[in-house]
Amino acid sequence: MFGLFGGHGDVQIPPHELKERMDKGEDIVILDVREDWEHAHVRIPDARHIPLAQLPQAISSLDRSKDIIVYCHHGVRSLQACQFLKKNGFEKIQNLKGGIDAYARMVDPSLPLY
């Protein structure tokens, strides 16, 4: 079975699995590609914020050796970001399934929805 980008190792990560990895203290980069106003409204703790439109200019600031989990509101923009990163040589990319909306609903109901 092929993954998200045609390879075998590329998958979407469910919200509860991201939370488990965070709780274990794994060395991962959580990348928020939403707009500034969205990030100001609600965010996953310790997420790095680079709006999707700014990602091409900021790509060199990302560590290619680390696992990067990308999220947006529902998962569409983050999927675009994952595809862009993959095309630019990043191998350890995952898309948060359902975005921060799913994370708030399934993992942390204290986070506001929008």
PDB file of N, CA and C in Angstrom:
ATOM      1  N   MET A   1       0.840  -1.181   0.000  1.00  0.00           N
ATOM      2  CA  MET A   1       0.000   0.000   0.000  1.00  0.00           C
ATOM      3  C   MET A   1       0.883   1.241   0.000  1.00  0.00           C
ATOM      4  N   PHE A   2       0.496   2.217  -0.795  1.00  0.00           N
ATOM      5  CA  PHE A   2       1.281   3.438  -0.893  1.00  0.00           C
ATOM      6  C   PHE A   2       0.788   4.477   0.090  1.00  0.00           C
ATOM      7  N   GLY A   3       1.717   5.290   0.546  1.00  0.00           N
ATOM      8  CA  GLY A   3       1.404   6.332   1.509  1.00  0.00           C
ATOM      9  C   GLY A   3       0.935   7.606   0.840  1.00  0.00           C
ATOM     10  N   LEU A   4       0.945   8.640   1.591  1.00  0.00           N
ATOM     11  CA  LEU A   4       0.407   9.931   1.199  1.00  0.00           C
ATOM     12  C   LEU A   4       1.053  10.492  -0.061  1.00  0.00           C
ATOM     13  N   PHE A   5       2.345  10.296  -0.222  1.00  0.00           N
ATOM     14  CA  PHE A   5       3.064  10.880  -1.348  1.00  0.00           C
ATOM     15  C   PHE A   5       3.583   9.817  -2.315  1.00  0.00           C
ATOM     16  N   GLY A   6       3.005   8.628  -2.283  1.00  0.00           N
ATOM     17  CA  GLY A   6       3.414   7.583  -3.201  1.00  0.00           C
ATOM     18  C   GLY A   6       4.461   6.641  -2.650  1.00  0.00           C
ATOM     19  N   GLY A   7       5.073   6.966  -1.538  1.00  0.00           N
ATOM     20  CA  GLY A   7       6.068   6.090  -0.937  1.00  0.00           C
ATOM     21  C   GLY A   7       5.438   5.241   0.149  1.00  0.00           C
ATOM     22  N   HIS A   8       6.201   4.317   0.662  1.00  0.00           N
ATOM     23  CA  HIS A   8       5.664   3.413   1.680  1.00  0.00           C
ATOM     24  C   HIS A   8       5.702   4.006   3.088  1.00  0.00           C
ATOM     25  N   GLY A   9       6.610   4.961   3.350  1.00  0.00           N
ATOM     26  CA  GLY A   9       6.764   5.452   4.705  1.00  0.00           C
ATOM     27  C   GLY A   9       6.015   6.730   5.012  1.00  0.00           C
ATOM     28  N   ASP A  10       5.364   7.313   4.026  1.00  0.00           N
ATOM     29  CA  ASP A  10       4.721   8.609   4.243  1.00  0.00           C
ATOM     30  C   ASP A  10       3.268   8.414   4.634  1.00  0.00           C
ATOM     31  N   VAL A  11       2.907   8.927   5.787  1.00  0.00           N
ATOM     32  CA  VAL A  11       1.553   8.710   6.287  1.00  0.00           C
ATOM     33  C   VAL A  11       1.029   9.963   6.970  1.00  0.00           C
ATOM     34  N   GLN A  12      -0.260   9.962   7.156  1.00  0.00           N
ATOM     35  CA  GLN A  12      -0.861  10.968   8.018  1.00  0.00           C
ATOM     36  C   GLN A  12      -0.775  10.431   9.442  1.00  0.00           C
ATOM     37  N   ILE A  13      -0.578  11.330  10.354  1.00  0.00           N
ATOM     38  CA  ILE A  13      -0.497  10.930  11.754  1.00  0.00           C
ATOM     39  C   ILE A  13      -1.796  11.339  12.444  1.00  0.00           C
ATOM     40  N   PRO A  14      -2.445  10.418  13.143  1.00  0.00           N
ATOM     41  CA  PRO A  14      -3.662  10.779  13.862  1.00  0.00           C
ATOM     42  C   PRO A  14      -3.334  11.646  15.084  1.00  0.00           C
ATOM     43  N   PRO A  15      -4.271  12.496  15.494  1.00  0.00           N
ATOM     44  CA  PRO A  15      -4.016  13.403  16.614  1.00  0.00           C
ATOM     45  C   PRO A  15      -3.526  12.710  17.882  1.00  0.00           C
ATOM     46  N   HIS A  16      -4.108  11.573  18.241  1.00  0.00           N
ATOM     47  CA  HIS A  16      -3.693  10.912  19.479  1.00  0.00           C
ATOM     48  C   HIS A  16      -2.245  10.422  19.403  1.00  0.00           C
ATOM     49  N   GLU A  17      -1.792  10.042  18.213  1.00  0.00           N
ATOM     50  CA  GLU A  17      -0.406   9.585  18.074  1.00  0.00           C
ATOM     51  C   GLU A  17       0.566  10.759  18.219  1.00  0.00           C
ATOM     52  N   LEU A  18       0.196  11.917  17.684  1.00  0.00           N
ATOM     53  CA  LEU A  18       1.028  13.101  17.880  1.00  0.00           C
ATOM     54  C   LEU A  18       1.139  13.407  19.367  1.00  0.00           C
ATOM     55  N   LYS A  19       0.039  13.375  20.068  1.00  0.00           N
ATOM     56  CA  LYS A  19       0.034  13.644  21.511  1.00  0.00           C
ATOM     57  C   LYS A  19       0.932  12.653  22.260  1.00  0.00           C
ATOM     58  N   GLU A  20       0.865  11.384  21.894  1.00  0.00           N
ATOM     59  CA  GLU A  20       1.718  10.371  22.528  1.00  0.00           C
ATOM     60  C   GLU A  20       3.193  10.686  22.305  1.00  0.00           C
ATOM     61  N   ARG A  21       3.528  11.075  21.090  1.00  0.00           N
ATOM     62  CA  ARG A  21       4.926  11.400  20.781  1.00  0.00           C
ATOM     63  C   ARG A  21       5.378  12.634  21.551  1.00  0.00           C
ATOM     64  N   MET A  22       4.495  13.621  21.673  1.00  0.00           N
ATOM     65  CA  MET A  22       4.810  14.814  22.447  1.00  0.00           C
ATOM     66  C   MET A  22       5.010  14.457  23.917  1.00  0.00           C
ATOM     67  N   ASP A  23       4.120  13.626  24.460  1.00  0.00           N
ATOM     68  CA  ASP A  23       4.201  13.230  25.872  1.00  0.00           C
ATOM     69  C   ASP A  23       5.475  12.443  26.174  1.00  0.00           C
ATOM     70  N   LYS A  24       5.965  11.697  25.185  1.00  0.00           N
ATOM     71  CA  LYS A  24       7.207  10.939  25.354  1.00  0.00           C
ATOM     72  C   LYS A  24       8.440  11.836  25.251  1.00  0.00           C
ATOM     73  N   GLY A  25       8.232  13.069  24.818  1.00  0.00           N
ATOM     74  CA  GLY A  25       9.351  13.994  24.673  1.00  0.00           C
ATOM     75  C   GLY A  25      10.194  13.737  23.440  1.00  0.00           C
ATOM     76  N   GLU A  26       9.597  13.125  22.424  1.00  0.00           N
ATOM     77  CA  GLU A  26      10.346  12.849  21.200  1.00  0.00           C
ATOM     78  C   GLU A  26      10.808  14.152  20.553  1.00  0.00           C
ATOM     79  N   ASP A  27      11.944  14.084  19.908  1.00  0.00           N
ATOM     80  CA  ASP A  27      12.538  15.246  19.255  1.00  0.00           C
ATOM     81  C   ASP A  27      11.902  15.423  17.876  1.00  0.00           C
ATOM     82  N   ILE A  28      10.736  16.054  17.856  1.00  0.00           N
ATOM     83  CA  ILE A  28      10.003  16.279  16.615  1.00  0.00           C
ATOM     84  C   ILE A  28       9.776  17.771  16.429  1.00  0.00           C
ATOM     85  N   VAL A  29       9.586  18.164  15.191  1.00  0.00           N
ATOM     86  CA  VAL A  29       9.220  19.533  14.872  1.00  0.00           C
ATOM     87  C   VAL A  29       7.743  19.518  14.512  1.00  0.00           C
ATOM     88  N   ILE A  30       6.959  20.321  15.211  1.00  0.00           N
ATOM     89  CA  ILE A  30       5.548  20.478  14.889  1.00  0.00           C
ATOM     90  C   ILE A  30       5.445  21.809  14.159  1.00  0.00           C
ATOM     91  N   LEU A  31       5.025  21.750  12.913  1.00  0.00           N
ATOM     92  CA  LEU A  31       5.027  22.928  12.048  1.00  0.00           C
ATOM     93  C   LEU A  31       3.605  23.363  11.740  1.00  0.00           C
ATOM     94  N   ASP A  32       3.274  24.565  12.156  1.00  0.00           N
ATOM     95  CA  ASP A  32       1.966  25.178  11.936  1.00  0.00           C
ATOM     96  C   ASP A  32       2.062  26.068  10.707  1.00  0.00           C
ATOM     97  N   VAL A  33       1.314  25.729   9.644  1.00  0.00           N
ATOM     98  CA  VAL A  33       1.379  26.497   8.394  1.00  0.00           C
ATOM     99  C   VAL A  33       0.162  27.397   8.203  1.00  0.00           C
ATOM    100  N   ARG A  34      -0.588  27.643   9.274  1.00  0.00           N
ATOM    101  CA  ARG A  34      -1.763  28.507   9.183  1.00  0.00           C
ATOM    102  C   ARG A  34      -1.359  29.980   9.167  1.00  0.00           C
ATOM    103  N   GLU A  35      -2.342  30.833   8.932  1.00  0.00           N
ATOM    104  CA  GLU A  35      -2.115  32.272   8.923  1.00  0.00           C
ATOM    105  C   GLU A  35      -1.852  32.773  10.349  1.00  0.00           C
ATOM    106  N   ASP A  36      -1.280  33.980  10.436  1.00  0.00           N
ATOM    107  CA  ASP A  36      -0.935  34.566  11.731  1.00  0.00           C
ATOM    108  C   ASP A  36      -2.128  34.636  12.674  1.00  0.00           C
ATOM    109  N   TRP A  37      -3.283  35.066  12.181  1.00  0.00           N
ATOM    110  CA  TRP A  37      -4.457  35.225  13.052  1.00  0.00           C
ATOM    111  C   TRP A  37      -4.915  33.874  13.601  1.00  0.00           C
ATOM    112  N   GLU A  38      -4.781  32.817  12.801  1.00  0.00           N
ATOM    113  CA  GLU A  38      -5.175  31.484  13.262  1.00  0.00           C
ATOM    114  C   GLU A  38      -4.235  31.002  14.361  1.00  0.00           C
ATOM    115  N   HIS A  39      -2.946  31.203  14.147  1.00  0.00           N
ATOM    116  CA  HIS A  39      -1.943  30.791  15.126  1.00  0.00           C
ATOM    117  C   HIS A  39      -2.134  31.557  16.440  1.00  0.00           C
ATOM    118  N   ALA A  40      -2.487  32.853  16.336  1.00  0.00           N
ATOM    119  CA  ALA A  40      -2.715  33.656  17.537  1.00  0.00           C
ATOM    120  C   ALA A  40      -3.949  33.178  18.300  1.00  0.00           C
ATOM    121  N   HIS A  41      -4.930  32.634  17.584  1.00  0.00           N
ATOM    122  CA  HIS A  41      -6.185  32.186  18.195  1.00  0.00           C
ATOM    123  C   HIS A  41      -6.012  30.874  18.961  1.00  0.00           C
ATOM    124  N   VAL A  42      -5.334  29.910  18.346  1.00  0.00           N
ATOM    125  CA  VAL A  42      -5.144  28.595  18.966  1.00  0.00           C
ATOM    126  C   VAL A  42      -3.953  27.907  18.302  1.00  0.00           C
ATOM    127  N   ARG A  43      -3.210  27.176  19.111  1.00  0.00           N
ATOM    128  CA  ARG A  43      -2.051  26.452  18.565  1.00  0.00           C
ATOM    129  C   ARG A  43      -1.708  25.256  19.438  1.00  0.00           C
ATOM    130  N   ILE A  44      -1.001  24.327  18.845  1.00  0.00           N
ATOM    131  CA  ILE A  44      -0.474  23.182  19.579  1.00  0.00           C
ATOM    132  C   ILE A  44       0.796  23.669  20.283  1.00  0.00           C
ATOM    133  N   PRO A  45       0.945  23.350  21.561  1.00  0.00           N
ATOM    134  CA  PRO A  45       2.122  23.834  22.305  1.00  0.00           C
ATOM    135  C   PRO A  45       3.438  23.483  21.605  1.00  0.00           C
ATOM    136  N   ASP A  46       4.350  24.437  21.623  1.00  0.00           N
ATOM    137  CA  ASP A  46       5.706  24.293  21.077  1.00  0.00           C
ATOM    138  C   ASP A  46       5.758  24.160  19.555  1.00  0.00           C
ATOM    139  N   ALA A  47       4.654  24.461  18.876  1.00  0.00           N
ATOM    140  CA  ALA A  47       4.658  24.392  17.416  1.00  0.00           C
ATOM    141  C   ALA A  47       5.445  25.560  16.834  1.00  0.00           C
ATOM    142  N   ARG A  48       6.148  25.282  15.775  1.00  0.00           N
ATOM    143  CA  ARG A  48       6.855  26.320  15.021  1.00  0.00           C
ATOM    144  C   ARG A  48       5.882  26.872  13.992  1.00  0.00           C
ATOM    145  N   HIS A  49       5.781  28.178  13.887  1.00  0.00           N
ATOM    146  CA  HIS A  49       4.810  28.799  12.996  1.00  0.00           C
ATOM    147  C   HIS A  49       5.494  29.381  11.767  1.00  0.00           C
ATOM    148  N   ILE A  50       5.169  28.818  10.606  1.00  0.00           N
ATOM    149  CA  ILE A  50       5.593  29.367   9.321  1.00  0.00           C
ATOM    150  C   ILE A  50       4.374  29.298   8.405  1.00  0.00           C
ATOM    151  N   PRO A  51       3.718  30.423   8.136  1.00  0.00           N
ATOM    152  CA  PRO A  51       2.558  30.380   7.235  1.00  0.00           C
ATOM    153  C   PRO A  51       2.938  29.753   5.890  1.00  0.00           C
ATOM    154  N   LEU A  52       2.005  29.043   5.297  1.00  0.00           N
ATOM    155  CA  LEU A  52       2.257  28.313   4.058  1.00  0.00           C
ATOM    156  C   LEU A  52       2.894  29.203   2.993  1.00  0.00           C
ATOM    157  N   ALA A  53       2.411  30.424   2.829  1.00  0.00           N
ATOM    158  CA  ALA A  53       2.945  31.324   1.802  1.00  0.00           C
ATOM    159  C   ALA A  53       4.408  31.690   2.052  1.00  0.00           C
ATOM    160  N   GLN A  54       4.861  31.585   3.297  1.00  0.00           N
ATOM    161  CA  GLN A  54       6.244  31.934   3.638  1.00  0.00           C
ATOM    162  C   GLN A  54       7.172  30.725   3.661  1.00  0.00           C
ATOM    163  N   LEU A  55       6.626  29.540   3.487  1.00  0.00           N
ATOM    164  CA  LEU A  55       7.429  28.317   3.586  1.00  0.00           C
ATOM    165  C   LEU A  55       8.589  28.275   2.589  1.00  0.00           C
ATOM    166  N   PRO A  56       8.401  28.666   1.326  1.00  0.00           N
ATOM    167  CA  PRO A  56       9.552  28.626   0.406  1.00  0.00           C
ATOM    168  C   PRO A  56      10.742  29.452   0.874  1.00  0.00           C
ATOM    169  N   GLN A  57      10.482  30.607   1.477  1.00  0.00           N
ATOM    170  CA  GLN A  57      11.568  31.456   1.960  1.00  0.00           C
ATOM    171  C   GLN A  57      12.182  30.915   3.254  1.00  0.00           C
ATOM    172  N   ALA A  58      11.422  30.151   4.028  1.00  0.00           N
ATOM    173  CA  ALA A  58      11.883  29.674   5.339  1.00  0.00           C
ATOM    174  C   ALA A  58      12.384  28.234   5.314  1.00  0.00           C
ATOM    175  N   ILE A  59      12.350  27.590   4.171  1.00  0.00           N
ATOM    176  CA  ILE A  59      12.673  26.160   4.105  1.00  0.00           C
ATOM    177  C   ILE A  59      14.074  25.855   4.633  1.00  0.00           C
ATOM    178  N   SER A  60      15.008  26.757   4.410  1.00  0.00           N
ATOM    179  CA  SER A  60      16.389  26.499   4.858  1.00  0.00           C
ATOM    180  C   SER A  60      16.519  26.527   6.382  1.00  0.00           C
ATOM    181  N   SER A  61      15.510  27.053   7.079  1.00  0.00           N
ATOM    182  CA  SER A  61      15.567  27.101   8.543  1.00  0.00           C
ATOM    183  C   SER A  61      15.064  25.810   9.188  1.00  0.00           C
ATOM    184  N   LEU A  62      14.572  24.879   8.381  1.00  0.00           N
ATOM    185  CA  LEU A  62      14.058  23.599   8.901  1.00  0.00           C
ATOM    186  C   LEU A  62      15.154  22.541   8.881  1.00  0.00           C
ATOM    187  N   ASP A  63      15.184  21.717   9.897  1.00  0.00           N
ATOM    188  CA  ASP A  63      16.181  20.657  10.041  1.00  0.00           C
ATOM    189  C   ASP A  63      15.696  19.400   9.322  1.00  0.00           C
ATOM    190  N   ARG A  64      16.359  19.045   8.245  1.00  0.00           N
ATOM    191  CA  ARG A  64      15.968  17.889   7.437  1.00  0.00           C
ATOM    192  C   ARG A  64      16.138  16.556   8.170  1.00  0.00           C
ATOM    193  N   SER A  65      16.936  16.547   9.230  1.00  0.00           N
ATOM    194  CA  SER A  65      17.186  15.292   9.938  1.00  0.00           C
ATOM    195  C   SER A  65      16.089  14.957  10.946  1.00  0.00           C
ATOM    196  N   LYS A  66      15.237  15.933  11.262  1.00  0.00           N
ATOM    197  CA  LYS A  66      14.196  15.713  12.272  1.00  0.00           C
ATOM    198  C   LYS A  66      12.865  15.327  11.645  1.00  0.00           C
ATOM    199  N   ASP A  67      12.068  14.597  12.417  1.00  0.00           N
ATOM    200  CA  ASP A  67      10.697  14.311  12.011  1.00  0.00           C
ATOM    201  C   ASP A  67       9.911  15.613  12.081  1.00  0.00           C
ATOM    202  N   ILE A  68       9.198  15.924  11.006  1.00  0.00           N
ATOM    203  CA  ILE A  68       8.401  17.143  10.948  1.00  0.00           C
ATOM    204  C   ILE A  68       6.946  16.752  10.776  1.00  0.00           C
ATOM    205  N   ILE A  69       6.110  17.205  11.692  1.00  0.00           N
ATOM    206  CA  ILE A  69       4.673  16.966  11.619  1.00  0.00           C
ATOM    207  C   ILE A  69       4.016  18.311  11.338  1.00  0.00           C
ATOM    208  N   VAL A  70       3.328  18.390  10.204  1.00  0.00           N
ATOM    209  CA  VAL A  70       2.765  19.645   9.731  1.00  0.00           C
ATOM    210  C   VAL A  70       1.263  19.661   9.997  1.00  0.00           C
ATOM    211  N   TYR A  71       0.753  20.833  10.428  1.00  0.00           N
ATOM    212  CA  TYR A  71      -0.688  20.947  10.618  1.00  0.00           C
ATOM    213  C   TYR A  71      -1.206  22.302  10.175  1.00  0.00           C
ATOM    214  N   CYS A  72      -2.497  22.321   9.902  1.00  0.00           N
ATOM    215  CA  CYS A  72      -3.232  23.550   9.614  1.00  0.00           C
ATOM    216  C   CYS A  72      -4.587  23.415  10.304  1.00  0.00           C
ATOM    217  N   HIS A  73      -5.626  24.025   9.759  1.00  0.00           N
ATOM    218  CA  HIS A  73      -6.937  23.956  10.395  1.00  0.00           C
ATOM    219  C   HIS A  73      -7.568  22.571  10.239  1.00  0.00           C
ATOM    220  N   HIS A  74      -7.686  22.095   8.998  1.00  0.00           N
ATOM    221  CA  HIS A  74      -8.313  20.798   8.747  1.00  0.00           C
ATOM    222  C   HIS A  74      -7.412  19.791   8.026  1.00  0.00           C
ATOM    223  N   GLY A  75      -6.247  20.202   7.577  1.00  0.00           N
ATOM    224  CA  GLY A  75      -5.314  19.269   6.955  1.00  0.00           C
ATOM    225  C   GLY A  75      -5.045  19.472   5.483  1.00  0.00           C
ATOM    226  N   VAL A  76      -5.688  20.456   4.857  1.00  0.00           N
ATOM    227  CA  VAL A  76      -5.495  20.669   3.419  1.00  0.00           C
ATOM    228  C   VAL A  76      -4.220  21.461   3.135  1.00  0.00           C
ATOM    229  N   ARG A  77      -4.067  22.595   3.800  1.00  0.00           N
ATOM    230  CA  ARG A  77      -2.849  23.396   3.590  1.00  0.00           C
ATOM    231  C   ARG A  77      -1.606  22.651   4.075  1.00  0.00           C
ATOM    232  N   SER A  78      -1.753  21.920   5.164  1.00  0.00           N
ATOM    233  CA  SER A  78      -0.596  21.170   5.666  1.00  0.00           C
ATOM    234  C   SER A  78      -0.202  20.059   4.697  1.00  0.00           C
ATOM    235  N   LEU A  79      -1.167  19.492   4.012  1.00  0.00           N
ATOM    236  CA  LEU A  79      -0.855  18.493   2.983  1.00  0.00           C
ATOM    237  C   LEU A  79      -0.068  19.151   1.854  1.00  0.00           C
ATOM    238  N   GLN A  80      -0.460  20.350   1.455  1.00  0.00           N
ATOM    239  CA  GLN A  80       0.293  21.078   0.432  1.00  0.00           C
ATOM    240  C   GLN A  80       1.720  21.345   0.910  1.00  0.00           C
ATOM    241  N   ALA A  81       1.854  21.725   2.174  1.00  0.00           N
ATOM    242  CA  ALA A  81       3.182  21.970   2.744  1.00  0.00           C
ATOM    243  C   ALA A  81       4.019  20.695   2.739  1.00  0.00           C
ATOM    244  N   CYS A  82       3.400  19.571   3.101  1.00  0.00           N
ATOM    245  CA  CYS A  82       4.116  18.287   3.098  1.00  0.00           C
ATOM    246  C   CYS A  82       4.600  17.951   1.696  1.00  0.00           C
ATOM    247  N   GLN A  83       3.755  18.150   0.712  1.00  0.00           N
ATOM    248  CA  GLN A  83       4.136  17.865  -0.671  1.00  0.00           C
ATOM    249  C   GLN A  83       5.292  18.762  -1.111  1.00  0.00           C
ATOM    250  N   PHE A  84       5.223  20.033  -0.747  1.00  0.00           N
ATOM    251  CA  PHE A  84       6.295  20.970  -1.072  1.00  0.00           C
ATOM    252  C   PHE A  84       7.606  20.536  -0.416  1.00  0.00           C
ATOM    253  N   LEU A  85       7.548  20.209   0.862  1.00  0.00           N
ATOM    254  CA  LEU A  85       8.758  19.786   1.574  1.00  0.00           C
ATOM    255  C   LEU A  85       9.329  18.510   0.983  1.00  0.00           C
ATOM    256  N   LYS A  86       8.459  17.572   0.658  1.00  0.00           N
ATOM    257  CA  LYS A  86       8.903  16.312   0.059  1.00  0.00           C
ATOM    258  C   LYS A  86       9.618  16.567  -1.269  1.00  0.00           C
ATOM    259  N   LYS A  87       9.057  17.452  -2.087  1.00  0.00           N
ATOM    260  CA  LYS A  87       9.678  17.780  -3.380  1.00  0.00           C
ATOM    261  C   LYS A  87      11.032  18.452  -3.198  1.00  0.00           C
ATOM    262  N   ASN A  88      11.245  19.035  -2.026  1.00  0.00           N
ATOM    263  CA  ASN A  88      12.497  19.719  -1.751  1.00  0.00           C
ATOM    264  C   ASN A  88      13.438  18.903  -0.868  1.00  0.00           C
ATOM    265  N   GLY A  89      13.263  17.597  -0.875  1.00  0.00           N
ATOM    266  CA  GLY A  89      14.226  16.696  -0.258  1.00  0.00           C
ATOM    267  C   GLY A  89      14.000  16.311   1.179  1.00  0.00           C
ATOM    268  N   PHE A  90      12.895  16.741   1.785  1.00  0.00           N
ATOM    269  CA  PHE A  90      12.614  16.335   3.155  1.00  0.00           C
ATOM    270  C   PHE A  90      12.001  14.935   3.126  1.00  0.00           C
ATOM    271  N   GLU A  91      12.484  14.061   3.995  1.00  0.00           N
ATOM    272  CA  GLU A  91      12.040  12.668   4.004  1.00  0.00           C
ATOM    273  C   GLU A  91      11.108  12.333   5.164  1.00  0.00           C
ATOM    274  N   LYS A  92      11.283  12.995   6.289  1.00  0.00           N
ATOM    275  CA  LYS A  92      10.561  12.640   7.516  1.00  0.00           C
ATOM    276  C   LYS A  92       9.402  13.608   7.748  1.00  0.00           C
ATOM    277  N   ILE A  93       8.412  13.541   6.874  1.00  0.00           N
ATOM    278  CA  ILE A  93       7.286  14.472   6.894  1.00  0.00           C
ATOM    279  C   ILE A  93       5.998  13.703   7.158  1.00  0.00           C
ATOM    280  N   GLN A  94       5.173  14.220   8.057  1.00  0.00           N
ATOM    281  CA  GLN A  94       3.847  13.664   8.292  1.00  0.00           C
ATOM    282  C   GLN A  94       2.842  14.803   8.372  1.00  0.00           C
ATOM    283  N   ASN A  95       1.634  14.525   7.944  1.00  0.00           N
ATOM    284  CA  ASN A  95       0.534  15.473   7.986  1.00  0.00           C
ATOM    285  C   ASN A  95      -0.389  15.103   9.142  1.00  0.00           C
ATOM    286  N   LEU A  96      -0.722  16.085   9.990  1.00  0.00           N
ATOM    287  CA  LEU A  96      -1.644  15.823  11.090  1.00  0.00           C
ATOM    288  C   LEU A  96      -3.044  15.637  10.513  1.00  0.00           C
ATOM    289  N   LYS A  97      -3.550  14.451  10.624  1.00  0.00           N
ATOM    290  CA  LYS A  97      -4.858  14.113  10.071  1.00  0.00           C
ATOM    291  C   LYS A  97      -5.956  14.933  10.745  1.00  0.00           C
ATOM    292  N   GLY A  98      -6.681  15.716   9.950  1.00  0.00           N
ATOM    293  CA  GLY A  98      -7.773  16.528  10.469  1.00  0.00           C
ATOM    294  C   GLY A  98      -7.346  17.861  11.048  1.00  0.00           C
ATOM    295  N   GLY A  99      -6.034  18.138  11.054  1.00  0.00           N
ATOM    296  CA  GLY A  99      -5.517  19.415  11.518  1.00  0.00           C
ATOM    297  C   GLY A  99      -5.768  19.681  12.997  1.00  0.00           C
ATOM    298  N   ILE A 100      -5.647  20.959  13.354  1.00  0.00           N
ATOM    299  CA  ILE A 100      -5.829  21.340  14.750  1.00  0.00           C
ATOM    300  C   ILE A 100      -7.278  21.168  15.180  1.00  0.00           C
ATOM    301  N   ASP A 101      -8.198  21.201  14.225  1.00  0.00           N
ATOM    302  CA  ASP A 101      -9.602  20.977  14.567  1.00  0.00           C
ATOM    303  C   ASP A 101      -9.774  19.574  15.153  1.00  0.00           C
ATOM    304  N   ALA A 102      -9.219  18.565  14.496  1.00  0.00           N
ATOM    305  CA  ALA A 102      -9.315  17.196  14.998  1.00  0.00           C
ATOM    306  C   ALA A 102      -8.532  17.036  16.301  1.00  0.00           C
ATOM    307  N   TYR A 103      -7.378  17.691  16.391  1.00  0.00           N
ATOM    308  CA  TYR A 103      -6.571  17.615  17.606  1.00  0.00           C
ATOM    309  C   TYR A 103      -7.361  18.161  18.794  1.00  0.00           C
ATOM    310  N   ALA A 104      -8.011  19.308  18.600  1.00  0.00           N
ATOM    311  CA  ALA A 104      -8.804  19.917  19.680  1.00  0.00           C
ATOM    312  C   ALA A 104      -9.992  19.033  20.054  1.00  0.00           C
ATOM    313  N   ARG A 105     -10.638  18.445  19.081  1.00  0.00           N
ATOM    314  CA  ARG A 105     -11.817  17.614  19.343  1.00  0.00           C
ATOM    315  C   ARG A 105     -11.459  16.278  19.997  1.00  0.00           C
ATOM    316  N   MET A 106     -10.338  15.685  19.578  1.00  0.00           N
ATOM    317  CA  MET A 106     -10.005  14.328  20.019  1.00  0.00           C
ATOM    318  C   MET A 106      -9.000  14.264  21.166  1.00  0.00           C
ATOM    319  N   VAL A 107      -8.137  15.277  21.280  1.00  0.00           N
ATOM    320  CA  VAL A 107      -7.026  15.202  22.219  1.00  0.00           C
ATOM    321  C   VAL A 107      -7.116  16.244  23.326  1.00  0.00           C
ATOM    322  N   ASP A 108      -7.366  17.492  22.951  1.00  0.00           N
ATOM    323  CA  ASP A 108      -7.337  18.578  23.928  1.00  0.00           C
ATOM    324  C   ASP A 108      -8.565  19.462  23.776  1.00  0.00           C
ATOM    325  N   PRO A 109      -9.685  19.077  24.389  1.00  0.00           N
ATOM    326  CA  PRO A 109     -10.911  19.868  24.245  1.00  0.00           C
ATOM    327  C   PRO A 109     -10.841  21.247  24.890  1.00  0.00           C
ATOM    328  N   SER A 110      -9.761  21.567  25.594  1.00  0.00           N
ATOM    329  CA  SER A 110      -9.621  22.921  26.144  1.00  0.00           C
ATOM    330  C   SER A 110      -9.247  23.922  25.046  1.00  0.00           C
ATOM    331  N   LEU A 111      -8.789  23.443  23.913  1.00  0.00           N
ATOM    332  CA  LEU A 111      -8.422  24.335  22.814  1.00  0.00           C
ATOM    333  C   LEU A 111      -9.676  24.853  22.124  1.00  0.00           C
ATOM    334  N   PRO A 112      -9.726  26.140  21.807  1.00  0.00           N
ATOM    335  CA  PRO A 112     -10.919  26.679  21.137  1.00  0.00           C
ATOM    336  C   PRO A 112     -11.019  26.212  19.687  1.00  0.00           C
ATOM    337  N   LEU A 113     -12.232  26.015  19.245  1.00  0.00           N
ATOM    338  CA  LEU A 113     -12.504  25.656  17.852  1.00  0.00           C
ATOM    339  C   LEU A 113     -12.829  26.931  17.086  1.00  0.00           C
ATOM    340  N   TYR A 114     -12.628  26.858  15.791  1.00  0.00           N
ATOM    341  CA  TYR A 114     -13.018  27.997  14.938  1.00  0.00           C
ATOM    342  C   TYR A 114     -13.411  27.501  13.581  1.00  0.00           C
TER     343      TYR A 114
END
